[in-house]
Protein backbone atom coordinates (compact mmCIF):
# COMPACT_ATOMS: atom_id res chain seq x y z
CA MET A 1 13.50 -19.73 -43.97
CA GLN A 2 12.58 -20.34 -40.37
CA THR A 3 11.57 -17.48 -38.13
CA THR A 4 12.52 -17.63 -34.49
CA THR A 5 10.34 -15.84 -32.03
CA VAL A 6 12.19 -14.55 -29.01
CA ASN A 7 10.10 -14.38 -25.90
CA PRO A 8 10.85 -11.29 -23.86
CA LEU A 9 12.27 -11.86 -20.43
CA PRO A 10 9.62 -11.98 -17.73
CA GLN A 11 9.27 -8.68 -15.97
CA PRO A 12 9.84 -8.81 -12.22
CA GLN A 13 6.85 -8.04 -10.06
CA PHE A 14 7.75 -5.31 -7.62
CA SER A 15 6.00 -4.96 -4.30
CA HIS A 16 3.67 -1.97 -4.11
CA ALA A 17 4.87 -1.42 -0.54
CA GLY A 18 8.50 -1.45 -1.66
CA ILE A 19 7.87 1.19 -4.31
CA ILE A 20 6.17 3.50 -1.79
CA TRP A 21 9.09 3.13 0.65
CA ILE A 22 11.63 3.93 -2.08
CA LYS A 23 9.72 7.00 -3.27
CA LEU A 24 9.49 8.34 0.29
CA ALA A 25 13.18 7.62 0.78
CA VAL A 26 13.99 9.79 -2.24
CA LEU A 27 11.96 12.64 -0.75
CA TYR A 28 14.01 12.38 2.44
CA LEU A 29 17.19 12.34 0.34
CA ILE A 30 16.13 15.56 -1.39
CA PHE A 31 15.33 17.16 1.97
CA GLY A 32 18.60 15.95 3.54
CA ILE A 33 20.68 17.22 0.61
CA SER A 34 18.84 20.56 0.65
CA LEU A 35 19.46 20.94 4.38
CA GLY A 36 23.14 20.15 3.85
CA ILE A 37 23.41 22.73 1.08
CA ALA A 38 21.64 25.35 3.23
CA MET A 39 23.98 24.67 6.16
CA GLY A 40 27.03 24.89 3.93
CA ALA A 41 25.86 28.09 2.27
CA SER A 42 25.14 29.77 5.61
CA GLN A 43 28.14 28.21 7.38
CA ASN A 44 25.72 27.43 10.25
CA PHE A 45 25.94 23.75 11.13
CA THR A 46 23.65 23.80 14.16
CA LEU A 47 21.26 21.36 12.50
CA ARG A 48 23.99 18.86 11.59
CA PRO A 49 22.33 16.08 13.69
CA VAL A 50 19.03 16.66 11.88
CA HIS A 51 20.83 16.39 8.53
CA ALA A 52 22.44 13.11 9.63
CA HIS A 53 19.18 11.61 10.93
CA VAL A 54 17.19 12.62 7.84
CA ASN A 55 19.79 10.96 5.62
CA LEU A 56 20.21 7.83 7.75
CA LEU A 57 16.66 7.17 8.97
CA GLY A 58 14.83 8.88 6.13
CA TRP A 59 16.89 8.08 3.05
CA THR A 60 19.00 5.05 3.90
CA THR A 61 16.70 3.11 6.23
CA MET A 62 13.60 3.69 4.12
CA ALA A 63 15.38 2.88 0.86
CA LEU A 64 16.73 -0.36 2.31
CA ALA A 65 13.30 -1.28 3.69
CA GLY A 66 11.82 -0.60 0.25
CA LEU A 67 14.38 -2.81 -1.45
CA ILE A 68 13.90 -5.57 1.13
CA TYR A 69 10.12 -5.37 0.81
CA SER A 70 10.49 -5.53 -3.00
CA VAL A 71 12.65 -8.64 -2.85
CA PHE A 72 10.47 -10.25 -0.17
CA PRO A 73 6.91 -9.15 -1.02
CA LYS A 74 5.36 -11.42 1.63
CA ALA A 75 7.16 -9.34 4.27
CA GLY A 76 6.20 -6.11 2.49
CA GLU A 77 2.52 -6.96 2.55
CA SER A 78 2.35 -8.03 6.18
CA ARG A 79 0.69 -6.25 9.09
CA LEU A 80 4.12 -5.69 10.60
CA ALA A 81 5.19 -3.88 7.42
CA ARG A 82 2.17 -1.59 7.69
CA LEU A 83 2.93 -0.97 11.37
CA HIS A 84 6.56 -0.27 10.48
CA PHE A 85 5.49 2.13 7.74
CA TRP A 86 3.01 4.17 9.75
CA LEU A 87 5.02 4.35 12.96
CA LEU A 88 8.21 5.42 11.21
CA ASN A 89 6.51 7.87 8.86
CA LEU A 90 4.61 9.50 11.71
CA ALA A 91 7.58 9.56 14.09
CA LEU A 92 10.34 10.74 11.78
CA PRO A 93 8.94 14.19 10.83
CA VAL A 94 8.03 14.88 14.49
CA MET A 95 11.45 13.67 15.59
CA MET A 96 13.27 15.89 13.08
CA GLY A 97 11.13 18.92 13.92
CA ALA A 98 11.55 18.45 17.66
CA LEU A 99 15.30 17.84 17.31
CA SER A 100 15.59 21.01 15.21
CA MET A 101 13.78 23.04 17.83
CA LEU A 102 15.88 21.54 20.62
CA LEU A 103 19.11 22.35 18.77
CA LEU A 104 17.85 25.91 18.27
CA GLY A 105 17.47 26.26 22.03
CA HIS A 106 13.79 25.46 22.57
CA MET A 107 14.01 22.91 25.39
CA ALA A 108 10.23 22.56 25.63
CA PHE A 109 10.39 20.21 22.61
CA ALA A 110 12.42 17.57 24.48
CA PRO A 111 9.37 15.46 25.45
CA ALA A 112 8.15 15.40 21.82
CA LEU A 113 11.60 14.26 20.73
CA VAL A 114 11.68 11.46 23.30
CA ILE A 115 8.20 10.22 22.35
CA ALA A 116 9.01 10.33 18.63
CA GLU A 117 12.28 8.46 19.22
CA ILE A 118 10.43 5.73 21.13
CA ILE A 119 7.85 5.41 18.36
CA ALA A 120 10.62 5.23 15.73
CA SER A 121 12.35 2.53 17.79
CA VAL A 122 9.12 0.52 17.94
CA ALA A 123 8.87 0.88 14.14
CA ILE A 124 12.39 -0.55 13.76
CA LEU A 125 11.51 -3.42 16.11
CA ALA A 126 8.42 -4.13 13.96
CA PHE A 127 10.70 -4.21 10.90
CA ALA A 128 13.08 -6.64 12.60
CA ALA A 129 10.23 -8.88 13.78
CA ASN A 130 8.74 -8.81 10.28
CA LEU A 131 11.98 -9.98 8.70
CA PHE A 132 12.57 -12.74 11.23
CA LEU A 133 8.98 -13.99 10.86
CA ASN A 134 8.61 -13.69 7.06
CA LEU A 135 12.04 -14.39 5.60
CA LYS A 136 12.43 -18.15 5.46
CA GLN A 137 15.12 -20.16 3.73
């Protein structure tokens, strides 16, 4: 009787950067869902734009970046990826806090919001540049 040895399928190597992005994205998802539940329970939807931005920039954008950086590890390990990571992760909490304060009537937070938005935009431009430079056919 002949014994056949079946080799297990090779395990994919996931980018460390991609995993970090995905884990952070899930934290933003939890926060966004919690904010949505709190708004619904209180019937106060003043922070609706914060809820939308947390879910779109925090959850969706970060999750997609994590998946892209996992599929294309060269892009995920680049300097532009690190710039993208730090700029976005420093800007987004400030942006959400400042937007919250602005929506609650504290106009003094407008400059912080503008600066954080600019920094987040630079982070997205770094992401775009990274993909165009590191994703080759």
